Amino acid sequence: MARHAEPRTSRRSALLRAGLTVTAAGAAVLGAGAAGAQAAAPLPLPVDSLSRTDLAAAGSGAVEGVGQGLAPLTRLQLDPLANTGVDPLDNGLGTQVADFKPVGTNLLTDHVTKGGAVADLPAVGPLTQGLLP
């Protein structure tokens, strides 16, 4: 027999009503106690001081928060395939003319292909260290 077709007994209905009544009474008692405790708590500051905002402190706090949030990004590895055998960036081209010092592209790409971060780059690294903490 399906549950909705089951005949209702008066005992089951009475137990259901009693349970709902106890639940509602408990919620009312606990709600009133919580509201009373909330109303009795004093305000920590005078209400008129809540309307004043120090814009310089708010601005410096925002800049400090952004700096602290972005600073770890300067230490992340730029190339996820660095130091692996399948790194497509790990190639270079070099040349040497006569007895001059050899010149190659590895001077620029080694920082990235060896697992470097933004802070390790020759020109950008010191710049980011100066801007971000």
N, C-alpha and C. Protein backbone atom coordinates (compact mmCIF):
# COMPACT_ATOMS: atom_id res chain seq x y z
N MET A 1 0.85 -1.17 0.00
CA MET A 1 0.00 0.00 0.00
C MET A 1 0.90 1.23 0.00
N ALA A 2 0.54 2.21 -0.80
CA ALA A 2 1.32 3.43 -0.88
C ALA A 2 1.18 4.24 0.40
N ARG A 3 2.21 5.02 0.68
CA ARG A 3 2.21 5.76 1.94
C ARG A 3 1.09 6.80 1.99
N HIS A 4 0.78 7.44 0.88
CA HIS A 4 -0.28 8.45 0.90
C HIS A 4 -1.66 7.81 1.03
N ALA A 5 -1.78 6.54 0.69
CA ALA A 5 -3.08 5.87 0.80
C ALA A 5 -3.25 5.20 2.15
N GLU A 6 -2.22 5.21 2.99
CA GLU A 6 -2.30 4.58 4.30
C GLU A 6 -3.28 5.34 5.18
N PRO A 7 -4.13 4.65 5.88
CA PRO A 7 -5.10 5.36 6.73
C PRO A 7 -4.38 6.07 7.88
N ARG A 8 -4.81 7.26 8.17
CA ARG A 8 -4.23 8.05 9.27
C ARG A 8 -4.83 7.59 10.59
N THR A 9 -3.95 7.44 11.54
CA THR A 9 -4.44 7.09 12.87
C THR A 9 -4.43 8.34 13.72
N SER A 10 -5.30 8.39 14.66
CA SER A 10 -5.37 9.57 15.53
C SER A 10 -4.14 9.65 16.42
N ARG A 11 -3.57 8.51 16.78
CA ARG A 11 -2.40 8.51 17.64
C ARG A 11 -1.21 9.13 16.90
N ARG A 12 -1.02 8.77 15.63
CA ARG A 12 0.08 9.32 14.84
C ARG A 12 -0.09 10.82 14.65
N SER A 13 -1.29 11.28 14.38
CA SER A 13 -1.55 12.70 14.21
C SER A 13 -1.32 13.46 15.51
N ALA A 14 -1.70 12.87 16.63
CA ALA A 14 -1.50 13.52 17.93
C ALA A 14 -0.01 13.65 18.23
N LEU A 15 0.76 12.61 17.94
CA LEU A 15 2.21 12.67 18.18
C LEU A 15 2.87 13.70 17.28
N LEU A 16 2.42 13.79 16.04
CA LEU A 16 2.96 14.78 15.12
C LEU A 16 2.67 16.19 15.61
N ARG A 17 1.44 16.44 16.02
CA ARG A 17 1.07 17.77 16.55
C ARG A 17 1.86 18.10 17.80
N ALA A 18 2.05 17.13 18.69
CA ALA A 18 2.80 17.37 19.94
C ALA A 18 4.26 17.70 19.63
N GLY A 19 4.84 16.98 18.69
CA GLY A 19 6.22 17.25 18.31
C GLY A 19 6.39 18.63 17.72
N LEU A 20 5.46 19.02 16.85
CA LEU A 20 5.53 20.35 16.25
C LEU A 20 5.33 21.44 17.30
N THR A 21 4.45 21.20 18.26
CA THR A 21 4.21 22.19 19.32
C THR A 21 5.45 22.36 20.19
N VAL A 22 6.09 21.26 20.57
CA VAL A 22 7.31 21.34 21.39
C VAL A 22 8.42 22.06 20.62
N THR A 23 8.54 21.76 19.33
CA THR A 23 9.57 22.42 18.52
C THR A 23 9.33 23.92 18.42
N ALA A 24 8.08 24.32 18.19
CA ALA A 24 7.76 25.74 18.09
C ALA A 24 7.98 26.44 19.42
N ALA A 25 7.61 25.81 20.51
CA ALA A 25 7.80 26.42 21.83
C ALA A 25 9.29 26.59 22.14
N GLY A 26 10.09 25.57 21.82
CA GLY A 26 11.53 25.67 22.05
C GLY A 26 12.16 26.77 21.22
N ALA A 27 11.75 26.89 19.96
CA ALA A 27 12.28 27.95 19.11
C ALA A 27 11.90 29.32 19.64
N ALA A 28 10.68 29.47 20.15
CA ALA A 28 10.25 30.75 20.69
C ALA A 28 11.03 31.11 21.95
N VAL A 29 11.26 30.14 22.82
CA VAL A 29 12.00 30.40 24.06
C VAL A 29 13.46 30.75 23.74
N LEU A 30 14.09 29.97 22.88
CA LEU A 30 15.48 30.24 22.54
C LEU A 30 15.63 31.54 21.76
N GLY A 31 14.69 31.83 20.90
CA GLY A 31 14.73 33.08 20.14
C GLY A 31 14.57 34.29 21.04
N ALA A 32 13.68 34.21 22.02
CA ALA A 32 13.49 35.32 22.95
C ALA A 32 14.73 35.51 23.82
N GLY A 33 15.37 34.41 24.23
CA GLY A 33 16.59 34.51 25.03
C GLY A 33 17.72 35.14 24.23
N ALA A 34 17.85 34.78 22.99
CA ALA A 34 18.91 35.35 22.16
C ALA A 34 18.65 36.82 21.88
N ALA A 35 17.40 37.19 21.66
CA ALA A 35 17.07 38.60 21.40
C ALA A 35 17.33 39.43 22.65
N GLY A 36 17.03 38.90 23.82
CA GLY A 36 17.28 39.62 25.07
C GLY A 36 18.76 39.81 25.32
N ALA A 37 19.54 38.78 25.03
CA ALA A 37 20.99 38.88 25.21
C ALA A 37 21.59 39.87 24.22
N GLN A 38 21.07 39.91 23.04
CA GLN A 38 21.56 40.85 22.03
C GLN A 38 21.23 42.28 22.41
N ALA A 39 20.06 42.51 22.92
CA ALA A 39 19.65 43.86 23.29
C ALA A 39 20.43 44.35 24.50
N ALA A 40 20.86 43.45 25.39
CA ALA A 40 21.56 43.86 26.60
C ALA A 40 23.03 44.18 26.34
N ALA A 41 23.60 43.79 25.22
CA ALA A 41 25.01 44.03 24.95
C ALA A 41 25.24 45.51 24.65
N PRO A 42 26.21 46.14 25.30
CA PRO A 42 26.48 47.56 25.05
C PRO A 42 27.23 47.75 23.73
N LEU A 43 27.08 48.91 23.14
CA LEU A 43 27.82 49.24 21.93
C LEU A 43 29.27 49.53 22.29
N PRO A 44 30.23 49.03 21.53
CA PRO A 44 31.62 49.23 21.89
C PRO A 44 32.11 50.67 21.66
N LEU A 45 31.53 51.37 20.72
CA LEU A 45 31.92 52.74 20.41
C LEU A 45 30.70 53.64 20.45
N PRO A 46 30.89 54.92 20.67
CA PRO A 46 29.75 55.83 20.54
C PRO A 46 29.25 55.81 19.09
N VAL A 47 27.97 55.93 18.93
CA VAL A 47 27.36 55.82 17.61
C VAL A 47 27.83 56.94 16.68
N ASP A 48 28.11 58.13 17.20
CA ASP A 48 28.53 59.24 16.33
C ASP A 48 29.93 59.02 15.75
N SER A 49 30.77 58.19 16.39
CA SER A 49 32.10 57.95 15.86
C SER A 49 32.09 56.95 14.71
N LEU A 50 30.99 56.25 14.51
CA LEU A 50 30.92 55.28 13.43
C LEU A 50 30.78 55.94 12.07
N SER A 51 30.36 57.19 12.02
CA SER A 51 30.15 57.84 10.73
C SER A 51 31.45 58.45 10.18
N ARG A 52 32.47 58.68 11.01
CA ARG A 52 33.72 59.25 10.53
C ARG A 52 34.63 58.15 10.01
N THR A 53 35.25 58.39 8.84
CA THR A 53 36.18 57.43 8.26
C THR A 53 37.48 58.13 7.94
N ASP A 54 38.56 57.55 8.35
CA ASP A 54 39.88 58.08 8.04
C ASP A 54 40.28 57.57 6.66
N LEU A 55 40.17 58.42 5.65
CA LEU A 55 40.42 58.00 4.27
C LEU A 55 41.87 57.64 4.03
N ALA A 56 42.79 58.32 4.68
CA ALA A 56 44.21 58.00 4.49
C ALA A 56 44.52 56.61 5.02
N ALA A 57 43.98 56.28 6.19
CA ALA A 57 44.20 54.95 6.76
C ALA A 57 43.52 53.88 5.91
N ALA A 58 42.34 54.17 5.42
CA ALA A 58 41.63 53.20 4.58
C ALA A 58 42.39 52.97 3.27
N GLY A 59 42.91 54.02 2.68
CA GLY A 59 43.67 53.88 1.44
C GLY A 59 44.97 53.12 1.64
N SER A 60 45.69 53.43 2.71
CA SER A 60 46.95 52.71 2.95
C SER A 60 46.68 51.25 3.30
N GLY A 61 45.58 51.00 4.00
CA GLY A 61 45.22 49.61 4.29
C GLY A 61 44.87 48.84 3.04
N ALA A 62 44.17 49.48 2.11
CA ALA A 62 43.82 48.81 0.86
C ALA A 62 45.07 48.52 0.03
N VAL A 63 45.98 49.47 -0.04
CA VAL A 63 47.22 49.27 -0.80
C VAL A 63 48.06 48.17 -0.16
N GLU A 64 48.13 48.16 1.15
CA GLU A 64 48.89 47.13 1.86
C GLU A 64 48.27 45.75 1.63
N GLY A 65 46.95 45.68 1.66
CA GLY A 65 46.27 44.41 1.43
C GLY A 65 46.49 43.88 0.03
N VAL A 66 46.43 44.75 -0.96
CA VAL A 66 46.67 44.33 -2.35
C VAL A 66 48.12 43.87 -2.50
N GLY A 67 49.04 44.61 -1.90
CA GLY A 67 50.45 44.23 -1.99
C GLY A 67 50.71 42.88 -1.35
N GLN A 68 50.15 42.64 -0.18
CA GLN A 68 50.34 41.36 0.49
C GLN A 68 49.65 40.22 -0.25
N GLY A 69 48.57 40.52 -0.94
CA GLY A 69 47.87 39.50 -1.70
C GLY A 69 48.59 39.14 -2.99
N LEU A 70 49.26 40.10 -3.61
CA LEU A 70 49.94 39.85 -4.88
C LEU A 70 51.40 39.44 -4.72
N ALA A 71 51.99 39.67 -3.57
CA ALA A 71 53.41 39.36 -3.37
C ALA A 71 53.74 37.89 -3.61
N PRO A 72 52.93 36.93 -3.16
CA PRO A 72 53.27 35.53 -3.44
C PRO A 72 53.26 35.19 -4.92
N LEU A 73 52.55 35.95 -5.73
CA LEU A 73 52.51 35.68 -7.16
C LEU A 73 53.86 35.92 -7.82
N THR A 74 54.70 36.74 -7.21
CA THR A 74 56.02 36.99 -7.79
C THR A 74 56.95 35.80 -7.60
N ARG A 75 56.61 34.86 -6.72
CA ARG A 75 57.46 33.69 -6.46
C ARG A 75 56.94 32.44 -7.16
N LEU A 76 55.86 32.52 -7.91
CA LEU A 76 55.34 31.36 -8.62
C LEU A 76 56.20 31.06 -9.85
N GLN A 77 56.36 29.80 -10.16
CA GLN A 77 57.13 29.38 -11.31
C GLN A 77 56.38 29.77 -12.58
N LEU A 78 57.06 30.47 -13.48
CA LEU A 78 56.42 30.96 -14.70
C LEU A 78 56.14 29.85 -15.70
N ASP A 79 57.08 28.95 -15.89
CA ASP A 79 56.96 27.90 -16.89
C ASP A 79 56.64 26.59 -16.18
N PRO A 80 55.43 26.05 -16.36
CA PRO A 80 55.10 24.80 -15.66
C PRO A 80 55.91 23.60 -16.16
N LEU A 81 56.47 23.69 -17.35
CA LEU A 81 57.26 22.59 -17.89
C LEU A 81 58.76 22.78 -17.67
N ALA A 82 59.15 23.72 -16.84
CA ALA A 82 60.56 24.00 -16.59
C ALA A 82 61.24 22.78 -15.98
N ASN A 83 62.48 22.58 -16.34
CA ASN A 83 63.31 21.47 -15.85
C ASN A 83 62.75 20.11 -16.24
N THR A 84 62.01 20.03 -17.32
CA THR A 84 61.54 18.75 -17.84
C THR A 84 62.14 18.57 -19.23
N GLY A 85 62.04 17.37 -19.74
CA GLY A 85 62.59 17.10 -21.06
C GLY A 85 61.70 17.55 -22.20
N VAL A 86 60.50 17.99 -21.89
CA VAL A 86 59.55 18.36 -22.95
C VAL A 86 59.27 19.86 -22.96
N ASP A 87 60.12 20.65 -22.36
CA ASP A 87 59.90 22.09 -22.29
C ASP A 87 60.17 22.72 -23.66
N PRO A 88 59.14 23.27 -24.33
CA PRO A 88 59.38 23.87 -25.65
C PRO A 88 60.16 25.17 -25.58
N LEU A 89 60.25 25.80 -24.43
CA LEU A 89 61.00 27.04 -24.31
C LEU A 89 62.49 26.81 -24.07
N ASP A 90 62.86 25.56 -23.78
CA ASP A 90 64.25 25.25 -23.44
C ASP A 90 65.06 25.01 -24.72
N ASN A 91 65.18 26.03 -25.51
CA ASN A 91 66.03 25.99 -26.69
C ASN A 91 66.69 27.35 -26.82
N GLY A 92 67.75 27.39 -27.52
CA GLY A 92 68.44 28.66 -27.65
C GLY A 92 69.24 28.73 -28.94
N LEU A 93 69.62 29.91 -29.23
CA LEU A 93 70.39 30.16 -30.44
C LEU A 93 71.58 31.02 -30.04
N GLY A 94 72.75 30.63 -30.46
CA GLY A 94 73.92 31.39 -30.09
C GLY A 94 74.88 31.55 -31.25
N THR A 95 75.70 32.55 -31.14
CA THR A 95 76.70 32.78 -32.19
C THR A 95 77.95 33.39 -31.56
N GLN A 96 79.06 33.22 -32.27
CA GLN A 96 80.31 33.82 -31.84
C GLN A 96 81.04 34.33 -33.08
N VAL A 97 81.42 35.56 -33.02
CA VAL A 97 82.14 36.17 -34.14
C VAL A 97 83.59 36.36 -33.71
N ALA A 98 84.47 35.77 -34.48
CA ALA A 98 85.92 35.84 -34.24
C ALA A 98 86.24 35.44 -32.81
N ASP A 99 86.97 36.25 -32.08
CA ASP A 99 87.34 35.91 -30.72
C ASP A 99 86.54 36.70 -29.69
N PHE A 100 85.40 37.26 -30.12
CA PHE A 100 84.53 37.96 -29.17
C PHE A 100 83.77 36.95 -28.30
N LYS A 101 83.22 37.47 -27.24
CA LYS A 101 82.45 36.64 -26.33
C LYS A 101 81.20 36.12 -27.05
N PRO A 102 80.82 34.82 -26.88
CA PRO A 102 79.63 34.31 -27.55
C PRO A 102 78.36 34.99 -27.03
N VAL A 103 77.41 35.16 -27.94
CA VAL A 103 76.13 35.78 -27.62
C VAL A 103 75.03 34.79 -27.97
N GLY A 104 74.04 34.65 -27.07
CA GLY A 104 72.95 33.71 -27.33
C GLY A 104 71.66 34.14 -26.66
N THR A 105 70.61 33.45 -27.02
CA THR A 105 69.30 33.77 -26.45
C THR A 105 69.10 33.12 -25.09
N ASN A 106 69.96 32.18 -24.72
CA ASN A 106 69.82 31.54 -23.41
C ASN A 106 69.98 32.52 -22.26
N LEU A 107 70.67 33.60 -22.50
CA LEU A 107 70.83 34.62 -21.47
C LEU A 107 69.47 35.15 -21.00
N LEU A 108 68.53 35.24 -21.93
CA LEU A 108 67.20 35.73 -21.59
C LEU A 108 66.24 34.62 -21.18
N THR A 109 66.34 33.44 -21.79
CA THR A 109 65.35 32.39 -21.55
C THR A 109 65.71 31.48 -20.39
N ASP A 110 66.94 31.45 -19.93
CA ASP A 110 67.32 30.55 -18.85
C ASP A 110 66.56 30.82 -17.55
N HIS A 111 66.24 32.05 -17.28
CA HIS A 111 65.53 32.37 -16.05
C HIS A 111 64.16 31.69 -16.01
N VAL A 112 63.53 31.61 -17.16
CA VAL A 112 62.20 30.99 -17.22
C VAL A 112 62.32 29.47 -17.33
N THR A 113 63.22 28.98 -18.15
CA THR A 113 63.30 27.53 -18.38
C THR A 113 63.93 26.77 -17.23
N LYS A 114 64.58 27.42 -16.32
CA LYS A 114 65.15 26.76 -15.15
C LYS A 114 64.23 26.84 -13.94
N GLY A 115 63.00 27.26 -14.13
CA GLY A 115 62.02 27.28 -13.04
C GLY A 115 61.97 28.59 -12.30
N GLY A 116 62.36 29.66 -12.95
CA GLY A 116 62.37 30.96 -12.30
C GLY A 116 60.98 31.57 -12.17
N ALA A 117 60.89 32.59 -11.36
CA ALA A 117 59.65 33.32 -11.13
C ALA A 117 59.82 34.75 -11.64
N VAL A 118 58.78 35.54 -11.49
CA VAL A 118 58.84 36.94 -11.93
C VAL A 118 59.94 37.69 -11.18
N ALA A 119 60.11 37.38 -9.92
CA ALA A 119 61.13 38.06 -9.11
C ALA A 119 62.54 37.73 -9.58
N ASP A 120 62.73 36.62 -10.31
CA ASP A 120 64.05 36.22 -10.78
C ASP A 120 64.43 36.82 -12.13
N LEU A 121 63.50 37.43 -12.82
CA LEU A 121 63.79 37.99 -14.14
C LEU A 121 64.72 39.18 -14.01
N PRO A 122 65.64 39.38 -14.97
CA PRO A 122 66.65 40.43 -14.83
C PRO A 122 66.08 41.84 -14.74
N ALA A 123 65.17 42.22 -15.59
CA ALA A 123 64.70 43.61 -15.59
C ALA A 123 63.43 43.78 -14.78
N VAL A 124 62.56 42.81 -14.82
CA VAL A 124 61.25 42.92 -14.18
C VAL A 124 61.32 42.59 -12.68
N GLY A 125 62.23 41.68 -12.30
CA GLY A 125 62.33 41.24 -10.90
C GLY A 125 62.56 42.36 -9.91
N PRO A 126 63.59 43.19 -10.09
CA PRO A 126 63.80 44.29 -9.14
C PRO A 126 62.64 45.29 -9.14
N LEU A 127 62.01 45.45 -10.28
CA LEU A 127 60.87 46.37 -10.36
C LEU A 127 59.70 45.86 -9.53
N THR A 128 59.40 44.56 -9.62
CA THR A 128 58.30 44.01 -8.83
C THR A 128 58.64 43.99 -7.35
N GLN A 129 59.90 43.78 -7.02
CA GLN A 129 60.30 43.77 -5.61
C GLN A 129 60.15 45.18 -5.02
N GLY A 130 60.34 46.19 -5.83
CA GLY A 130 60.17 47.55 -5.33
C GLY A 130 58.72 47.93 -5.17
N LEU A 131 57.85 47.41 -6.04
CA LEU A 131 56.43 47.76 -5.99
C LEU A 131 55.66 46.91 -4.98
N LEU A 132 56.01 45.63 -4.90
CA LEU A 132 55.30 44.72 -4.00
C LEU A 132 56.21 44.34 -2.85
N PRO A 133 55.65 44.16 -1.69
CA PRO A 133 56.50 43.80 -0.54
C PRO A 133 57.02 42.39 -0.65
